Protein backbone atom coordinates (compact mmCIF):
# COMPACT_ATOMS: atom_id res chain seq x y z
CA UNK A 1 -17.96 327.02 67.52
CA UNK A 2 -14.67 325.60 66.37
CA UNK A 3 -14.36 323.25 63.84
CA UNK A 4 -12.80 319.72 62.91
CA UNK A 5 -12.30 319.90 58.80
CA UNK A 6 -11.98 316.40 57.26
CA UNK A 7 -10.60 316.75 53.82
CA UNK A 8 -12.51 314.13 51.36
CA UNK A 9 -11.90 313.25 47.88
CA UNK A 10 -13.91 311.43 45.21
CA UNK A 11 -11.93 308.83 42.97
CA UNK A 12 -12.83 306.38 40.22
CA UNK A 13 -13.43 302.92 41.77
CA UNK A 14 -10.33 300.68 41.99
CA UNK A 15 -12.14 297.94 40.78
CA UNK A 16 -13.34 299.50 37.55
CA UNK A 17 -11.28 299.40 34.10
CA UNK A 18 -9.73 302.94 34.46
CA UNK A 19 -8.21 304.56 31.59
CA UNK A 20 -6.26 307.75 30.73
CA UNK A 21 -7.32 310.68 28.36
CA UNK A 22 -5.20 311.73 25.25
CA UNK A 23 -3.43 314.19 27.78
CA UNK A 24 -2.42 311.57 30.33
CA UNK A 25 -5.09 312.33 32.92
CA UNK A 26 -7.05 309.48 34.56
CA UNK A 27 -10.29 309.38 32.92
CA UNK A 28 -13.17 310.18 35.41
CA UNK A 29 -16.39 309.89 32.89
CA UNK A 30 -18.54 307.11 32.58
CA UNK A 31 -16.74 305.11 35.55
CA UNK A 32 -17.96 304.26 38.89
CA UNK A 33 -16.31 306.84 41.69
CA UNK A 34 -16.26 305.99 45.18
CA UNK A 35 -15.06 307.98 48.32
CA UNK A 36 -11.35 307.57 48.52
CA UNK A 37 -10.83 304.76 50.92
CA UNK A 38 -8.53 306.66 53.04
CA UNK A 39 -10.62 309.20 53.23
CA UNK A 40 -13.13 306.77 55.29
CA UNK A 41 -10.25 306.29 57.82
CA UNK A 42 -10.04 310.25 58.14
CA UNK A 43 -13.84 310.90 58.90
CA UNK A 44 -14.00 307.60 61.06
CA UNK A 45 -11.03 309.48 63.17
CA UNK A 46 -12.74 312.83 63.22
CA UNK A 47 -16.13 311.16 64.40
CA UNK A 48 -14.27 308.87 67.28
CA UNK A 49 -12.99 312.33 68.55
CA UNK A 50 -16.07 313.72 68.46
CA UNK A 51 -16.77 312.82 72.05
CA UNK A 52 -13.01 313.56 73.30
CA UNK A 53 -12.91 316.93 72.07
CA UNK A 54 -14.38 318.69 74.94
CA UNK A 55 -15.35 322.44 73.35
CA UNK A 56 -18.09 322.69 71.33
CA UNK A 57 -17.02 321.90 67.80
CA UNK A 58 -18.62 320.21 64.25
CA UNK A 59 -17.39 318.23 61.81
CA UNK A 60 -17.18 319.64 58.41
CA UNK A 61 -16.58 317.76 55.10
CA UNK A 62 -14.43 319.64 52.56
CA UNK A 63 -13.87 318.40 49.01
CA UNK A 64 -12.46 319.93 45.56
CA UNK A 65 -13.93 318.72 42.40
CA UNK A 66 -16.70 318.56 39.51
CA UNK A 67 -20.34 318.12 40.19
CA UNK A 68 -20.35 314.69 41.21
CA UNK A 69 -17.88 315.04 43.98
CA UNK A 70 -20.83 316.00 46.37
CA UNK A 71 -21.43 312.32 46.24
CA UNK A 72 -18.31 311.99 48.50
CA UNK A 73 -19.45 314.69 51.18
CA UNK A 74 -23.00 312.93 51.28
CA UNK A 75 -21.21 309.54 52.39
CA UNK A 76 -19.10 311.61 54.49
CA UNK A 77 -22.15 312.82 56.18
CA UNK A 78 -23.85 309.83 56.38
CA UNK A 79 -20.83 308.73 58.25
CA UNK A 80 -20.89 311.39 60.87
CA UNK A 81 -20.06 314.70 59.55
CA UNK A 82 -22.29 317.55 60.18
CA UNK A 83 -21.95 319.82 56.68
CA UNK A 84 -20.13 319.78 53.43
CA UNK A 85 -18.16 322.23 51.39
CA UNK A 86 -17.86 321.82 48.05
CA UNK A 87 -15.26 323.53 46.07
CA UNK A 88 -16.59 323.28 42.13
CA UNK A 89 -15.08 325.35 39.40
CA UNK A 90 -14.00 324.51 35.62
CA UNK A 91 -10.46 326.02 36.26
CA UNK A 92 -9.62 323.32 38.35
CA UNK A 93 -9.29 320.61 35.90
CA UNK A 94 -6.17 319.36 35.50
CA UNK A 95 -4.47 320.52 38.78
CA UNK A 96 -1.56 319.38 40.05
CA UNK A 97 -0.71 318.12 44.02
CA UNK A 98 0.51 322.10 44.68
CA UNK A 99 -2.31 323.54 42.91
CA UNK A 100 -4.67 321.27 44.61
CA UNK A 101 -2.55 321.86 48.19
CA UNK A 102 -3.18 325.70 47.59
CA UNK A 103 -6.87 325.66 46.70
CA UNK A 104 -7.77 323.58 49.96
CA UNK A 105 -5.22 325.69 52.34
CA UNK A 106 -7.36 329.11 50.73
CA UNK A 107 -10.84 327.14 51.47
CA UNK A 108 -9.39 326.11 54.95
CA UNK A 109 -8.62 329.55 55.48
CA UNK A 110 -12.07 330.64 55.10
CA UNK A 111 -13.47 328.16 57.61
CA UNK A 112 -13.93 329.98 61.04
CA UNK A 113 -11.66 328.60 63.96
CA UNK A 114 -10.35 325.28 62.41
CA UNK A 115 -8.76 323.57 65.29
CA UNK A 116 -7.95 320.09 63.48
CA UNK A 117 -7.77 319.36 59.70
CA UNK A 118 -8.27 315.35 59.15
CA UNK A 119 -7.08 313.63 55.56
CA UNK A 120 -5.97 310.23 54.33
CA UNK A 121 -2.31 310.01 53.71
CA UNK A 122 -2.60 309.47 50.19
CA UNK A 123 -5.23 309.22 47.60
CA UNK A 124 -6.08 305.89 45.26
CA UNK A 125 -6.13 307.45 42.14
CA UNK A 126 -2.55 309.57 42.63
CA UNK A 127 -0.77 308.18 45.30
CA UNK A 128 1.40 311.22 45.24
CA UNK A 129 0.94 311.54 49.08
CA UNK A 130 2.16 315.20 49.07
CA UNK A 131 -1.02 317.25 49.56
CA UNK A 132 -1.33 316.74 53.20
CA UNK A 133 2.34 318.37 53.93
CA UNK A 134 1.59 321.05 51.20
CA UNK A 135 -1.46 322.35 52.93
CA UNK A 136 0.53 322.73 56.14
CA UNK A 137 3.07 324.34 54.85
CA UNK A 138 0.58 327.06 52.98
CA UNK A 139 -1.03 327.45 56.48
CA UNK A 140 1.62 327.44 58.74
CA UNK A 141 0.73 324.73 61.15
CA UNK A 142 2.29 321.73 62.27
CA UNK A 143 1.72 318.31 59.88
CA UNK A 144 1.65 314.76 61.95
CA UNK A 145 1.64 312.72 58.59
CA UNK A 146 0.84 309.18 57.88
CA UNK A 147 -0.08 308.21 61.33
CA UNK A 148 -1.89 305.09 62.68
CA UNK A 149 -3.07 306.49 66.00
CA UNK A 150 -3.96 309.82 67.32
CA UNK A 151 -4.95 311.06 71.24
CA UNK A 152 -5.85 314.34 71.46
CA UNK A 153 -4.88 315.18 75.50
CA UNK A 154 -7.06 317.34 77.73
CA UNK A 155 -4.95 319.75 77.39
CA UNK A 156 -5.55 319.91 73.44
CA UNK A 157 -1.87 318.50 72.69
CA UNK A 158 -1.75 316.10 69.98
CA UNK A 159 -0.10 312.67 70.54
CA UNK A 160 0.38 310.54 67.39
CA UNK A 161 2.44 307.60 66.30
CA UNK A 162 3.96 306.81 62.32
CA UNK A 163 4.81 303.24 61.65
CA UNK A 164 7.56 302.73 59.00
CA UNK A 165 10.70 300.95 57.88
CA UNK A 166 10.50 299.04 61.24
CA UNK A 167 10.25 302.28 62.99
CA UNK A 168 7.55 303.70 65.28
CA UNK A 169 7.76 307.63 65.31
CA UNK A 170 5.77 309.23 68.46
CA UNK A 171 4.53 312.85 66.92
CA UNK A 172 3.58 315.47 68.99
CA UNK A 173 1.65 319.38 68.11
CA UNK A 174 -0.56 321.88 69.55
CA UNK A 175 -4.07 322.61 67.57
CA UNK A 176 -4.38 324.10 65.34
CA UNK A 177 -2.64 321.33 63.07
CA UNK A 178 -2.97 318.88 60.32
CA UNK A 179 -3.22 315.24 60.63
CA UNK A 180 -3.19 312.51 57.60
CA UNK A 181 -4.16 308.82 58.43
CA UNK A 182 -3.39 305.62 56.93
CA UNK A 183 -5.78 302.61 56.51
CA UNK A 184 -4.32 301.10 59.53
CA UNK A 185 -5.78 303.80 61.83
CA UNK A 186 -9.17 302.29 62.44
CA UNK A 187 -11.83 300.43 61.02
CA UNK A 188 -14.47 302.69 59.27
CA UNK A 189 -18.35 302.68 59.96
CA UNK A 190 -20.43 301.48 57.78
CA UNK A 191 -23.26 304.19 57.17
CA UNK A 192 -26.57 303.38 58.65
CA UNK A 193 -30.05 303.59 56.93
CA UNK A 194 -30.72 306.51 59.30
CA UNK A 195 -27.35 308.13 58.66
CA UNK A 196 -27.80 307.89 55.05
CA UNK A 197 -31.12 309.31 55.16
CA UNK A 198 -30.21 312.12 57.38
CA UNK A 199 -27.19 313.01 55.04
CA UNK A 200 -29.31 314.04 52.36
CA UNK A 201 -30.89 316.89 54.47
CA UNK A 202 -27.64 318.14 55.70
CA UNK A 203 -26.12 321.48 54.47
CA UNK A 204 -23.70 321.34 51.71
CA UNK A 205 -22.13 324.92 50.39
CA UNK A 206 -20.62 325.20 47.24
CA UNK A 207 -17.74 327.62 46.80
CA UNK A 208 -16.18 328.85 43.45
CA UNK A 209 -12.65 330.21 43.47
CA UNK A 210 -13.73 333.81 43.63
CA UNK A 211 -15.29 332.81 46.70
CA UNK A 212 -11.93 331.67 48.29
CA UNK A 213 -9.43 334.27 46.80
CA UNK A 214 -7.83 332.01 44.33
CA UNK A 215 -7.36 333.01 40.66
CA UNK A 216 -8.07 330.90 37.76
CA UNK A 217 -4.42 331.48 36.22
CA UNK A 218 -3.11 329.76 39.53
CA UNK A 219 -4.69 326.27 39.04
CA UNK A 220 -5.68 323.88 35.94
CA UNK A 221 -3.65 322.21 33.46
CA UNK A 222 -2.05 325.14 31.71
CA UNK A 223 -0.73 326.38 34.59
CA UNK A 224 0.46 323.19 36.56
CA UNK A 225 4.02 322.89 37.54
CA UNK A 226 4.07 318.72 37.14
CA UNK A 227 3.04 317.61 33.72
CA UNK A 228 2.82 313.88 32.49
CA UNK A 229 4.34 313.85 29.03
CA UNK A 230 4.34 309.64 28.54
CA UNK A 231 3.00 306.79 30.09
CA UNK A 232 4.22 302.79 30.15
CA UNK A 233 1.97 299.78 31.05
CA UNK A 234 3.23 297.96 33.96
CA UNK A 235 4.84 294.62 32.73
CA UNK A 236 3.36 291.20 32.94
CA UNK A 237 4.45 289.13 35.73
CA UNK A 238 7.06 286.57 34.90
CA UNK A 239 7.49 283.44 36.75
CA UNK A 240 10.14 283.49 39.14
CA UNK A 241 13.10 281.09 38.96
CA UNK A 242 12.18 277.53 40.48
CA UNK A 243 15.25 275.65 42.54
CA UNK A 244 15.20 271.77 42.86
CA UNK A 245 16.91 271.25 46.31
CA UNK A 246 19.04 268.32 45.24
CA UNK A 247 20.82 269.00 48.63
CA UNK A 248 22.01 271.98 47.40
CA UNK A 249 18.91 274.27 47.79
CA UNK A 250 19.84 276.48 50.57
CA UNK A 251 23.24 277.55 48.97
CA UNK A 252 21.78 277.96 45.42
CA UNK A 253 19.36 280.62 47.01
CA UNK A 254 22.04 282.21 48.78
CA UNK A 255 24.03 282.50 45.68
CA UNK A 256 20.64 284.13 43.77
CA UNK A 257 20.10 286.67 46.39
CA UNK A 258 23.60 287.49 46.41
CA UNK A 259 23.56 287.72 42.51
CA UNK A 260 20.67 289.91 42.84
CA UNK A 261 22.20 292.17 45.30
CA UNK A 262 19.10 291.39 47.68
CA UNK A 263 21.47 290.77 50.94
């Protein structure tokens, strides 16, 4: 049976007062945690495609994280994923985007007959937006990134659209492929009570690094290729300049835009 794999991530609730650890990592302890919002759109996309793909397949939710990350899998399964896989290993703490992509790519390599990988275009806790492309590069498959629509043709061809900077890009690829979606992709369903109860009984498989052929020295903060050495708080918002229109308001606004090199 072929598989559609949805990559999901548990993140601190963005409405929670978040803080950093002494080594500039996001403090994930003692805060409310949720399934990342863009991942909900990814799960919804996978479920909607369920009726389109004519070949027998299953939807697998895959996550990498601490023990609590299993809750992100349960949420995805309540929305319609068939089962979950949880990569959990103490050595993963502090891994950067490249290491994360390496781990997930190796895990995907251990899931038989994966035709489609769907994920969010970027997570709310880091916002790097690089992991989808990194995974696709490691796997050697096409990457249709930051798309807002996706159609699977009868012959299995993927057709997608990406809107950015006033332009619409039409993307196409054959499966197997990776697709990352934006928050404009769809409207994620709210899990029903029946779905939530069913998710509690669905299978979740836990994998260590050894299970997917990744060495401990290939991941973690010590071997990370990117390091945060300092942070600066976002400046407080300042009141903008107010122009009183005494008949020359339009000209004063234009002069201001020119002086700020905005036009």
